[in-house]
Amino acid sequence: MLHGIALRYFVEVARTGSLAAASENLHVAVSAISRQISKLEEDVGTALFERMPRGMVLTESGERLAEHARRALLEGDAVLAEIATAKALGHGIVRIGCTEGFTRSFLPHVLAQHHAAAPHVHFNLRSGTPSQVEQWVATGEADLGLAFSSGDPAKVYVQYSAQAPVCALLDPGHPLAQRRSLTLADLRDYPVALLERGNTARQLFDECCARHGIKLEPLLTSNNSSALHAFAALAGAITLGSRLSLSGLADDLSLVAKRFDEPTLNQRNLCVMTMRDRRLSRPIEGVLRALIGAIERAL
């Protein structure tokens, strides 16, 4: 019989890779966590961790148990949340992971509108790379994930997917703003502001430029999309993004989105993800529906 407390200790050690880190996060003595892990290994009849000089690494059996344990603990939390719902009108916390561009205006607007309809639901929002978002959802660190990603079916369940082209974002008064669509060559005569390498839009953009033999030297590079949007609006530059990233911008920093005549840039997917086979609590389902509805309206 696998006890809940042992599973919680096991999952935290698996997540942090260290007894000491798990002890600090759980406020439980290292010796107590170590005893529970040893008892768990005795119950299942095999080692769950390799004890390395710099930490604890899951064995193959440990990986299998970790996947089950994360889901079991989250489903238990979902049941508790539903019980609380009956008494507190939907009280609960929903953890959302997303790529950085969605934190500027789109998700704050979605969450504010949802709060008006369900004031007892609280939120936790964190941003990262697409691979980080997928990993947070797969391990249960985030309840919902929003990212430009294909969504690995071995790791997550894709609740919703839609094409979200990489667009050129520019001031409404820009000379190219009246064009129905743009080519990459159109950008040669204007300043360009781009995210640093490592994100989906920049990767696809660089691949397309290389294929066409087009070299563009960004006037500004940054790891922050808000800075790029503001610079594009104030300096007449062109940056990259999606229509969703323009939702709710202030009038003095308004931008318009123009598609590129480039199939690769038009085939990027936006995914809303949850953990595979996970039972979602009512608060999570409510935010999920609100999020999908907002995406459909914006796209």
C-alpha atoms as a PDB file:
ATOM      1  CA  MET A   1       0.000   0.000   0.000  1.00  0.00           C
ATOM      2  CA  LEU A   2       1.553   3.288  -1.130  1.00  0.00           C
ATOM      3  CA  HIS A   3       0.868   6.007   1.413  1.00  0.00           C
ATOM      4  CA  GLY A   4       0.137   9.567   0.324  1.00  0.00           C
ATOM      5  CA  ILE A   5       2.802  11.132   2.562  1.00  0.00           C
ATOM      6  CA  ALA A   6       5.504   8.856   1.136  1.00  0.00           C
ATOM      7  CA  LEU A   7       4.406   9.673  -2.406  1.00  0.00           C
ATOM      8  CA  ARG A   8       4.543  13.406  -1.686  1.00  0.00           C
ATOM      9  CA  TYR A   9       8.064  13.077  -0.328  1.00  0.00           C
ATOM     10  CA  PHE A  10       9.047  10.887  -3.282  1.00  0.00           C
ATOM     11  CA  VAL A  11       7.649  13.342  -5.845  1.00  0.00           C
ATOM     12  CA  GLU A  12       9.442  16.299  -4.248  1.00  0.00           C
ATOM     13  CA  VAL A  13      12.787  14.459  -4.187  1.00  0.00           C
ATOM     14  CA  ALA A  14      12.218  13.476  -7.824  1.00  0.00           C
ATOM     15  CA  ARG A  15      11.452  17.097  -8.715  1.00  0.00           C
ATOM     16  CA  THR A  16      14.388  18.664  -6.895  1.00  0.00           C
ATOM     17  CA  GLY A  17      16.889  15.829  -7.271  1.00  0.00           C
ATOM     18  CA  SER A  18      17.998  16.256  -3.677  1.00  0.00           C
ATOM     19  CA  LEU A  19      16.956  15.138  -0.194  1.00  0.00           C
ATOM     20  CA  ALA A  20      18.204  18.437   1.217  1.00  0.00           C
ATOM     21  CA  ALA A  21      16.200  20.541  -1.250  1.00  0.00           C
ATOM     22  CA  ALA A  22      13.073  18.436  -0.648  1.00  0.00           C
ATOM     23  CA  SER A  23      13.592  18.839   3.097  1.00  0.00           C
ATOM     24  CA  GLU A  24      13.793  22.617   2.769  1.00  0.00           C
ATOM     25  CA  ASN A  25      10.716  22.853   0.534  1.00  0.00           C
ATOM     26  CA  LEU A  26       8.581  20.483   2.610  1.00  0.00           C
ATOM     27  CA  HIS A  27       9.854  21.679   6.024  1.00  0.00           C
ATOM     28  CA  VAL A  28      10.495  18.061   6.973  1.00  0.00           C
ATOM     29  CA  ALA A  29      13.728  16.580   8.316  1.00  0.00           C
ATOM     30  CA  VAL A  30      16.019  14.910   5.772  1.00  0.00           C
ATOM     31  CA  SER A  31      16.044  11.753   7.894  1.00  0.00           C
ATOM     32  CA  ALA A  32      12.246  11.503   7.796  1.00  0.00           C
ATOM     33  CA  ILE A  33      12.171  11.886   4.014  1.00  0.00           C
ATOM     34  CA  SER A  34      14.986   9.362   3.609  1.00  0.00           C
ATOM     35  CA  ARG A  35      13.119   6.802   5.752  1.00  0.00           C
ATOM     36  CA  GLN A  36       9.952   7.206   3.683  1.00  0.00           C
ATOM     37  CA  ILE A  37      11.878   6.793   0.427  1.00  0.00           C
ATOM     38  CA  SER A  38      13.611   3.663   1.746  1.00  0.00           C
ATOM     39  CA  LYS A  39      10.263   2.252   2.916  1.00  0.00           C
ATOM     40  CA  LEU A  40       8.764   3.000  -0.490  1.00  0.00           C
ATOM     41  CA  GLU A  41      11.611   1.186  -2.240  1.00  0.00           C
ATOM     42  CA  GLU A  42      11.134  -1.751   0.128  1.00  0.00           C
ATOM     43  CA  ASP A  43       7.396  -1.861  -0.657  1.00  0.00           C
ATOM     44  CA  VAL A  44       7.880  -1.850  -4.435  1.00  0.00           C
ATOM     45  CA  GLY A  45      10.881  -4.169  -4.285  1.00  0.00           C
ATOM     46  CA  THR A  46      13.313  -2.101  -6.341  1.00  0.00           C
ATOM     47  CA  ALA A  47      15.454   1.003  -6.220  1.00  0.00           C
ATOM     48  CA  LEU A  48      13.649   4.190  -7.226  1.00  0.00           C
ATOM     49  CA  PHE A  49      16.696   6.457  -7.202  1.00  0.00           C
ATOM     50  CA  GLU A  50      20.343   6.232  -8.080  1.00  0.00           C
ATOM     51  CA  ARG A  51      22.288   7.892  -5.272  1.00  0.00           C
ATOM     52  CA  MET A  52      24.791  10.130  -7.044  1.00  0.00           C
ATOM     53  CA  PRO A  53      27.499  12.345  -5.487  1.00  0.00           C
ATOM     54  CA  ARG A  54      25.519  15.457  -6.391  1.00  0.00           C
ATOM     55  CA  GLY A  55      21.968  14.280  -5.909  1.00  0.00           C
ATOM     56  CA  MET A  56      19.269  11.711  -6.565  1.00  0.00           C
ATOM     57  CA  VAL A  57      18.413  10.538 -10.088  1.00  0.00           C
ATOM     58  CA  LEU A  58      15.308   8.487 -10.855  1.00  0.00           C
ATOM     59  CA  THR A  59      15.776   4.937 -12.083  1.00  0.00           C
ATOM     60  CA  GLU A  60      13.554   3.572 -14.838  1.00  0.00           C
ATOM     61  CA  SER A  61      11.220   2.176 -12.171  1.00  0.00           C
ATOM     62  CA  GLY A  62      11.331   5.510 -10.389  1.00  0.00           C
ATOM     63  CA  GLU A  63      10.301   7.336 -13.563  1.00  0.00           C
ATOM     64  CA  ARG A  64       7.259   5.069 -13.906  1.00  0.00           C
ATOM     65  CA  LEU A  65       6.239   5.579 -10.295  1.00  0.00           C
ATOM     66  CA  ALA A  66       6.820   9.346 -10.511  1.00  0.00           C
ATOM     67  CA  GLU A  67       4.429   9.639 -13.450  1.00  0.00           C
ATOM     68  CA  HIS A  68       1.755   7.730 -11.524  1.00  0.00           C
ATOM     69  CA  ALA A  69       2.408   9.554  -8.257  1.00  0.00           C
ATOM     70  CA  ARG A  70       2.165  13.046  -9.729  1.00  0.00           C
ATOM     71  CA  ARG A  71      -1.152  12.216 -11.342  1.00  0.00           C
ATOM     72  CA  ALA A  72      -2.516  10.506  -8.220  1.00  0.00           C
ATOM     73  CA  LEU A  73      -1.612  13.449  -5.987  1.00  0.00           C
ATOM     74  CA  LEU A  74      -3.101  15.980  -8.401  1.00  0.00           C
ATOM     75  CA  GLU A  75      -6.308  13.963  -8.714  1.00  0.00           C
ATOM     76  CA  GLY A  76      -6.539  13.891  -4.932  1.00  0.00           C
ATOM     77  CA  ASP A  77      -6.145  17.667  -4.917  1.00  0.00           C
ATOM     78  CA  ALA A  78      -8.869  17.906  -7.573  1.00  0.00           C
ATOM     79  CA  VAL A  79     -11.295  15.940  -5.410  1.00  0.00           C
ATOM     80  CA  LEU A  80     -10.515  18.177  -2.428  1.00  0.00           C
ATOM     81  CA  ALA A  81     -11.030  21.242  -4.625  1.00  0.00           C
ATOM     82  CA  GLU A  82     -14.424  19.936  -5.719  1.00  0.00           C
ATOM     83  CA  ILE A  83     -15.426  19.383  -2.100  1.00  0.00           C
ATOM     84  CA  ALA A  84     -14.326  22.939  -1.358  1.00  0.00           C
ATOM     85  CA  THR A  85     -16.276  24.124  -4.378  1.00  0.00           C
ATOM     86  CA  ALA A  86     -19.527  22.915  -2.865  1.00  0.00           C
ATOM     87  CA  LYS A  87     -18.856  25.068   0.200  1.00  0.00           C
ATOM     88  CA  ALA A  88     -16.926  28.013  -1.209  1.00  0.00           C
ATOM     89  CA  LEU A  89     -18.455  28.586  -4.639  1.00  0.00           C
ATOM     90  CA  GLY A  90     -15.482  27.348  -6.638  1.00  0.00           C
ATOM     91  CA  HIS A  91     -12.578  28.340  -4.410  1.00  0.00           C
ATOM     92  CA  GLY A  92      -9.266  27.050  -5.700  1.00  0.00           C
ATOM     93  CA  ILE A  93      -5.935  28.000  -7.220  1.00  0.00           C
ATOM     94  CA  VAL A  94      -5.119  27.486 -10.894  1.00  0.00           C
ATOM     95  CA  ARG A  95      -1.449  27.443 -11.922  1.00  0.00           C
ATOM     96  CA  ILE A  96      -0.731  28.535 -15.477  1.00  0.00           C
ATOM     97  CA  GLY A  97       2.534  28.234 -17.381  1.00  0.00           C
ATOM     98  CA  CYS A  98       3.048  30.191 -20.594  1.00  0.00           C
ATOM     99  CA  THR A  99       5.637  31.709 -22.848  1.00  0.00           C
ATOM    100  CA  GLU A 100       6.616  35.266 -21.951  1.00  0.00           C
ATOM    101  CA  GLY A 101       4.633  37.128 -24.608  1.00  0.00           C
ATOM    102  CA  PHE A 102       1.290  36.072 -23.140  1.00  0.00           C
ATOM    103  CA  THR A 103       2.039  37.648 -19.755  1.00  0.00           C
ATOM    104  CA  ARG A 104       2.014  41.204 -21.081  1.00  0.00           C
ATOM    105  CA  SER A 105      -1.654  41.722 -21.861  1.00  0.00           C
ATOM    106  CA  PHE A 106      -3.465  38.641 -23.144  1.00  0.00           C
ATOM    107  CA  LEU A 107      -3.481  36.453 -20.031  1.00  0.00           C
ATOM    108  CA  PRO A 108      -3.934  39.327 -17.558  1.00  0.00           C
ATOM    109  CA  HIS A 109      -7.105  40.274 -19.471  1.00  0.00           C
ATOM    110  CA  VAL A 110      -8.368  36.662 -19.583  1.00  0.00           C
ATOM    111  CA  LEU A 111      -7.741  36.148 -15.873  1.00  0.00           C
ATOM    112  CA  ALA A 112      -9.268  39.499 -14.898  1.00  0.00           C
ATOM    113  CA  GLN A 113     -12.439  38.704 -16.839  1.00  0.00           C
ATOM    114  CA  HIS A 114     -12.598  35.229 -15.297  1.00  0.00           C
ATOM    115  CA  HIS A 115     -12.105  36.721 -11.830  1.00  0.00           C
ATOM    116  CA  ALA A 116     -15.179  38.886 -12.378  1.00  0.00           C
ATOM    117  CA  ALA A 117     -17.219  35.729 -13.034  1.00  0.00           C
ATOM    118  CA  ALA A 118     -15.513  33.463 -10.464  1.00  0.00           C
ATOM    119  CA  PRO A 119     -14.010  35.702  -7.730  1.00  0.00           C
ATOM    120  CA  HIS A 120     -13.089  32.810  -5.449  1.00  0.00           C
ATOM    121  CA  VAL A 121     -10.598  31.325  -7.920  1.00  0.00           C
ATOM    122  CA  HIS A 122      -6.987  32.391  -7.412  1.00  0.00           C
ATOM    123  CA  PHE A 123      -4.203  32.222  -9.996  1.00  0.00           C
ATOM    124  CA  ASN A 124      -0.491  31.568 -10.225  1.00  0.00           C
ATOM    125  CA  LEU A 125       1.158  32.631 -13.500  1.00  0.00           C
ATOM    126  CA  ARG A 126       4.737  31.888 -14.555  1.00  0.00           C
ATOM    127  CA  SER A 127       6.518  32.222 -17.884  1.00  0.00           C
ATOM    128  CA  GLY A 128       9.257  30.232 -19.560  1.00  0.00           C
ATOM    129  CA  THR A 129      10.333  28.655 -22.814  1.00  0.00           C
ATOM    130  CA  PRO A 130       7.960  26.289 -24.692  1.00  0.00           C
ATOM    131  CA  SER A 131       9.945  23.283 -23.457  1.00  0.00           C
ATOM    132  CA  GLN A 132       9.776  24.543 -19.860  1.00  0.00           C
ATOM    133  CA  VAL A 133       6.017  25.077 -20.111  1.00  0.00           C
ATOM    134  CA  GLU A 134       5.556  21.555 -21.463  1.00  0.00           C
ATOM    135  CA  GLN A 135       7.716  20.132 -18.670  1.00  0.00           C
ATOM    136  CA  TRP A 136       5.813  22.055 -15.962  1.00  0.00           C
ATOM    137  CA  VAL A 137       2.524  20.632 -17.245  1.00  0.00           C
ATOM    138  CA  ALA A 138       3.921  17.104 -17.609  1.00  0.00           C
ATOM    139  CA  THR A 139       5.179  17.081 -14.009  1.00  0.00           C
ATOM    140  CA  GLY A 140       2.148  18.831 -12.507  1.00  0.00           C
ATOM    141  CA  GLU A 141       3.946  22.069 -11.619  1.00  0.00           C
ATOM    142  CA  ALA A 142       1.422  23.871 -13.853  1.00  0.00           C
ATOM    143  CA  ASP A 143      -2.237  22.931 -14.295  1.00  0.00           C
ATOM    144  CA  LEU A 144      -2.528  24.570 -17.718  1.00  0.00           C
ATOM    145  CA  GLY A 145       0.123  25.373 -20.292  1.00  0.00           C
ATOM    146  CA  LEU A 146      -0.045  27.886 -23.134  1.00  0.00           C
ATOM    147  CA  ALA A 147       2.797  27.873 -25.638  1.00  0.00           C
ATOM    148  CA  PHE A 148       3.773  27.836 -29.274  1.00  0.00           C
ATOM    149  CA  SER A 149       4.496  24.137 -29.344  1.00  0.00           C
ATOM    150  CA  SER A 150       3.323  20.936 -30.992  1.00  0.00           C
ATOM    151  CA  GLY A 151       2.620  19.419 -27.560  1.00  0.00           C
ATOM    152  CA  ASP A 152       4.469  16.109 -27.173  1.00  0.00           C
ATOM    153  CA  PRO A 153       1.711  13.454 -26.774  1.00  0.00           C
ATOM    154  CA  ALA A 154       4.113  11.349 -24.708  1.00  0.00           C
ATOM    155  CA  LYS A 155       4.256  14.129 -22.106  1.00  0.00           C
ATOM    156  CA  VAL A 156       1.052  16.205 -22.240  1.00  0.00           C
ATOM    157  CA  TYR A 157      -2.534  16.227 -23.489  1.00  0.00           C
ATOM    158  CA  VAL A 158      -3.350  18.985 -25.965  1.00  0.00           C
ATOM    159  CA  GLN A 159      -6.753  20.376 -25.014  1.00  0.00           C
ATOM    160  CA  TYR A 160      -6.781  22.902 -27.853  1.00  0.00           C
ATOM    161  CA  SER A 161      -4.592  23.718 -30.829  1.00  0.00           C
ATOM    162  CA  ALA A 162      -4.790  26.430 -33.470  1.00  0.00           C
ATOM    163  CA  GLN A 163      -2.540  27.962 -36.067  1.00  0.00           C
ATOM    164  CA  ALA A 164      -0.999  31.186 -34.772  1.00  0.00           C
ATOM    165  CA  PRO A 165       1.238  32.611 -37.523  1.00  0.00           C
ATOM    166  CA  VAL A 166       4.402  34.539 -36.777  1.00  0.00           C
ATOM    167  CA  CYS A 167       3.399  38.054 -37.825  1.00  0.00           C
ATOM    168  CA  ALA A 168       5.203  41.322 -38.355  1.00  0.00           C
ATOM    169  CA  LEU A 169       4.089  43.806 -35.679  1.00  0.00           C
ATOM    170  CA  LEU A 170       4.337  47.478 -36.613  1.00  0.00           C
ATOM    171  CA  ASP A 171       2.886  50.890 -35.884  1.00  0.00           C
ATOM    172  CA  PRO A 172      -0.387  51.678 -37.743  1.00  0.00           C
ATOM    173  CA  GLY A 173       1.366  54.649 -39.366  1.00  0.00           C
ATOM    174  CA  HIS A 174       4.290  52.585 -40.673  1.00  0.00           C
ATOM    175  CA  PRO A 175       4.772  52.665 -44.488  1.00  0.00           C
ATOM    176  CA  LEU A 176       4.094  48.894 -44.648  1.00  0.00           C
ATOM    177  CA  ALA A 177       1.016  48.972 -42.398  1.00  0.00           C
ATOM    178  CA  GLN A 178      -1.428  49.163 -45.317  1.00  0.00           C
ATOM    179  CA  ARG A 179      -0.058  46.046 -46.996  1.00  0.00           C
ATOM    180  CA  ARG A 180      -2.264  42.968 -46.770  1.00  0.00           C
ATOM    181  CA  SER A 181       0.823  40.807 -46.201  1.00  0.00           C
ATOM    182  CA  LEU A 182       4.591  41.206 -46.225  1.00  0.00           C
ATOM    183  CA  THR A 183       7.587  39.392 -47.627  1.00  0.00           C
ATOM    184  CA  LEU A 184      10.820  38.974 -45.710  1.00  0.00           C
ATOM    185  CA  ALA A 185      12.505  41.166 -48.320  1.00  0.00           C
ATOM    186  CA  ASP A 186      10.141  44.035 -47.374  1.00  0.00           C
ATOM    187  CA  LEU A 187      11.909  44.315 -44.020  1.00  0.00           C
ATOM    188  CA  ARG A 188      15.311  45.144 -45.512  1.00  0.00           C
ATOM    189  CA  ASP A 189      14.648  48.892 -45.651  1.00  0.00           C
ATOM    190  CA  TYR A 190      13.329  49.304 -42.085  1.00  0.00           C
ATOM    191  CA  PRO A 191      14.702  48.875 -38.556  1.00  0.00           C
ATOM    192  CA  VAL A 192      13.908  45.510 -36.996  1.00  0.00           C
ATOM    193  CA  ALA A 193      13.635  44.553 -33.311  1.00  0.00           C
ATOM    194  CA  LEU A 194      13.836  40.859 -32.475  1.00  0.00           C
ATOM    195  CA  LEU A 195      13.729  38.568 -29.485  1.00  0.00           C
ATOM    196  CA  GLU A 196      17.014  36.910 -28.645  1.00  0.00           C
ATOM    197  CA  ARG A 197      17.615  33.517 -30.205  1.00  0.00           C
ATOM    198  CA  GLY A 198      16.043  30.525 -28.487  1.00  0.00           C
ATOM    199  CA  ASN A 199      12.335  31.182 -28.966  1.00  0.00           C
ATOM    200  CA  THR A 200      10.019  29.699 -31.594  1.00  0.00           C
ATOM    201  CA  ALA A 201       9.311  32.875 -33.580  1.00  0.00           C
ATOM    202  CA  ARG A 202      12.986  33.863 -33.846  1.00  0.00           C
ATOM    203  CA  GLN A 203      14.025  30.343 -34.805  1.00  0.00           C
ATOM    204  CA  LEU A 204      11.467  30.091 -37.610  1.00  0.00           C
ATOM    205  CA  PHE A 205      12.240  33.634 -38.786  1.00  0.00           C
ATOM    206  CA  ASP A 206      15.986  32.982 -38.941  1.00  0.00           C
ATOM    207  CA  GLU A 207      15.444  29.709 -40.822  1.00  0.00           C
ATOM    208  CA  CYS A 208      13.279  31.436 -43.437  1.00  0.00           C
ATOM    209  CA  CYS A 209      15.729  34.325 -43.857  1.00  0.00           C
ATOM    210  CA  ALA A 210      18.618  31.887 -44.326  1.00  0.00           C
ATOM    211  CA  ARG A 211      16.651  29.914 -46.912  1.00  0.00           C
ATOM    212  CA  HIS A 212      16.029  33.092 -48.946  1.00  0.00           C
ATOM    213  CA  GLY A 213      19.526  34.460 -48.457  1.00  0.00           C
ATOM    214  CA  ILE A 214      18.234  37.487 -46.547  1.00  0.00           C
ATOM    215  CA  LYS A 215      20.406  39.027 -43.839  1.00  0.00           C
ATOM    216  CA  LEU A 216      18.830  41.411 -41.345  1.00  0.00           C
ATOM    217  CA  GLU A 217      20.765  43.136 -38.570  1.00  0.00           C
ATOM    218  CA  PRO A 218      18.358  43.881 -35.691  1.00  0.00           C
ATOM    219  CA  LEU A 219      18.476  47.412 -34.348  1.00  0.00           C
ATOM    220  CA  LEU A 220      17.384  46.001 -30.990  1.00  0.00           C
ATOM    221  CA  THR A 221      17.440  42.520 -29.495  1.00  0.00           C
ATOM    222  CA  SER A 222      15.922  41.666 -26.126  1.00  0.00           C
ATOM    223  CA  ASN A 223      14.593  38.721 -24.146  1.00  0.00           C
ATOM    224  CA  ASN A 224      11.516  40.794 -23.268  1.00  0.00           C
ATOM    225  CA  SER A 225       8.675  41.147 -25.759  1.00  0.00           C
ATOM    226  CA  SER A 226       7.200  44.167 -23.944  1.00  0.00           C
ATOM    227  CA  ALA A 227      10.386  46.129 -24.622  1.00  0.00           C
ATOM    228  CA  LEU A 228      10.321  45.123 -28.278  1.00  0.00           C
ATOM    229  CA  HIS A 229       6.655  46.077 -28.701  1.00  0.00           C
ATOM    230  CA  ALA A 230       7.186  49.471 -27.096  1.00  0.00           C
ATOM    231  CA  PHE A 231      10.295  50.119 -29.170  1.00  0.00           C
ATOM    232  CA  ALA A 232       8.493  49.160 -32.393  1.00  0.00           C
ATOM    233  CA  ALA A 233       5.626  51.537 -31.569  1.00  0.00           C
ATOM    234  CA  LEU A 234       7.896  54.434 -30.572  1.00  0.00           C
ATOM    235  CA  ALA A 235      10.728  54.049 -33.105  1.00  0.00           C
ATOM    236  CA  GLY A 236       8.866  52.879 -36.190  1.00  0.00           C
ATOM    237  CA  ALA A 237      10.585  49.502 -36.078  1.00  0.00           C
ATOM    238  CA  ILE A 238       9.177  46.100 -37.016  1.00  0.00           C
ATOM    239  CA  THR A 239       9.113  43.244 -34.518  1.00  0.00           C
ATOM    240  CA  LEU A 240       7.638  39.745 -34.482  1.00  0.00           C
ATOM    241  CA  GLY A 241       4.739  38.209 -32.592  1.00  0.00           C
ATOM    242  CA  SER A 242       1.194  36.932 -32.795  1.00  0.00           C
ATOM    243  CA  ARG A 243      -2.175  38.673 -32.933  1.00  0.00           C
ATOM    244  CA  LEU A 244      -2.800  37.433 -29.394  1.00  0.00           C
ATOM    245  CA  SER A 245       0.152  39.422 -28.091  1.00  0.00           C
ATOM    246  CA  LEU A 246      -1.575  42.647 -29.179  1.00  0.00           C
ATOM    247  CA  SER A 247      -4.704  42.037 -27.129  1.00  0.00           C
ATOM    248  CA  GLY A 248      -5.320  44.869 -24.665  1.00  0.00           C
ATOM    249  CA  LEU A 249      -2.385  47.114 -25.554  1.00  0.00           C
ATOM    250  CA  ALA A 250      -2.626  50.775 -24.619  1.00  0.00           C
ATOM    251  CA  ASP A 251      -3.515  53.150 -27.472  1.00  0.00           C
ATOM    252  CA  ASP A 252      -0.152  54.926 -27.326  1.00  0.00           C
ATOM    253  CA  LEU A 253       1.635  51.629 -27.963  1.00  0.00           C
ATOM    254  CA  SER A 254      -0.805  50.126 -30.442  1.00  0.00           C
ATOM    255  CA  LEU A 255       0.564  47.888 -33.190  1.00  0.00           C
ATOM    256  CA  VAL A 256      -0.954  46.024 -36.115  1.00  0.00           C
ATOM    257  CA  ALA A 257      -0.151  42.454 -37.148  1.00  0.00           C
ATOM    258  CA  LYS A 258       0.673  41.568 -40.747  1.00  0.00           C
ATOM    259  CA  ARG A 259       1.173  38.036 -42.023  1.00  0.00           C
ATOM    260  CA  PHE A 260       4.200  37.064 -44.054  1.00  0.00           C
ATOM    261  CA  ASP A 261       3.982  35.418 -47.473  1.00  0.00           C
ATOM    262  CA  GLU A 262       5.949  32.561 -45.993  1.00  0.00           C
ATOM    263  CA  PRO A 263       4.311  29.127 -45.384  1.00  0.00           C
ATOM    264  CA  THR A 264       6.702  28.152 -42.586  1.00  0.00           C
ATOM    265  CA  LEU A 265       5.819  31.251 -40.545  1.00  0.00           C
ATOM    266  CA  ASN A 266       2.095  30.663 -41.088  1.00  0.00           C
ATOM    267  CA  GLN A 267       2.117  27.078 -39.810  1.00  0.00           C
ATOM    268  CA  ARG A 268       3.154  27.734 -36.218  1.00  0.00           C
ATOM    269  CA  ASN A 269       0.762  26.141 -33.687  1.00  0.00           C
ATOM    270  CA  LEU A 270      -0.476  27.463 -30.373  1.00  0.00           C
ATOM    271  CA  CYS A 271      -1.359  24.748 -27.846  1.00  0.00           C
ATOM    272  CA  VAL A 272      -3.237  24.687 -24.555  1.00  0.00           C
ATOM    273  CA  MET A 273      -1.956  21.702 -22.579  1.00  0.00           C
ATOM    274  CA  THR A 274      -2.802  19.684 -19.484  1.00  0.00           C
ATOM    275  CA  MET A 275      -1.187  16.633 -17.920  1.00  0.00           C
ATOM    276  CA  ARG A 276      -2.020  13.371 -19.662  1.00  0.00           C
ATOM    277  CA  ASP A 277      -4.908  11.416 -18.115  1.00  0.00           C
ATOM    278  CA  ARG A 278      -5.345  13.951 -15.337  1.00  0.00           C
ATOM    279  CA  ARG A 279      -8.720  14.692 -13.793  1.00  0.00           C
ATOM    280  CA  LEU A 280      -9.202  18.447 -13.756  1.00  0.00           C
ATOM    281  CA  SER A 281     -10.883  20.278 -10.897  1.00  0.00           C
ATOM    282  CA  ARG A 282     -13.803  22.581 -11.637  1.00  0.00           C
ATOM    283  CA  PRO A 283     -11.729  25.752 -11.152  1.00  0.00           C
ATOM    284  CA  ILE A 284      -9.163  24.476 -13.673  1.00  0.00           C
ATOM    285  CA  GLU A 285     -11.876  23.486 -16.141  1.00  0.00           C
ATOM    286  CA  GLY A 286     -13.411  26.949 -15.801  1.00  0.00           C
ATOM    287  CA  VAL A 287     -10.138  28.726 -16.582  1.00  0.00           C
ATOM    288  CA  LEU A 288      -9.490  26.275 -19.434  1.00  0.00           C
ATOM    289  CA  ARG A 289     -12.825  27.135 -21.069  1.00  0.00           C
ATOM    290  CA  ALA A 290     -12.232  30.862 -20.597  1.00  0.00           C
ATOM    291  CA  LEU A 291      -8.757  30.604 -22.088  1.00  0.00           C
ATOM    292  CA  ILE A 292      -9.866  28.662 -25.169  1.00  0.00           C
ATOM    293  CA  GLY A 293     -12.770  31.042 -25.727  1.00  0.00           C
ATOM    294  CA  ALA A 294     -10.461  34.068 -25.559  1.00  0.00           C
ATOM    295  CA  ILE A 295      -8.012  32.502 -28.018  1.00  0.00           C
ATOM    296  CA  GLU A 296     -10.779  31.726 -30.504  1.00  0.00           C
ATOM    297  CA  ARG A 297     -12.081  35.288 -30.319  1.00  0.00           C
ATOM    298  CA  ALA A 298      -8.607  36.800 -30.756  1.00  0.00           C
ATOM    299  CA  LEU A 299      -7.549  34.602 -33.656  1.00  0.00           C
END
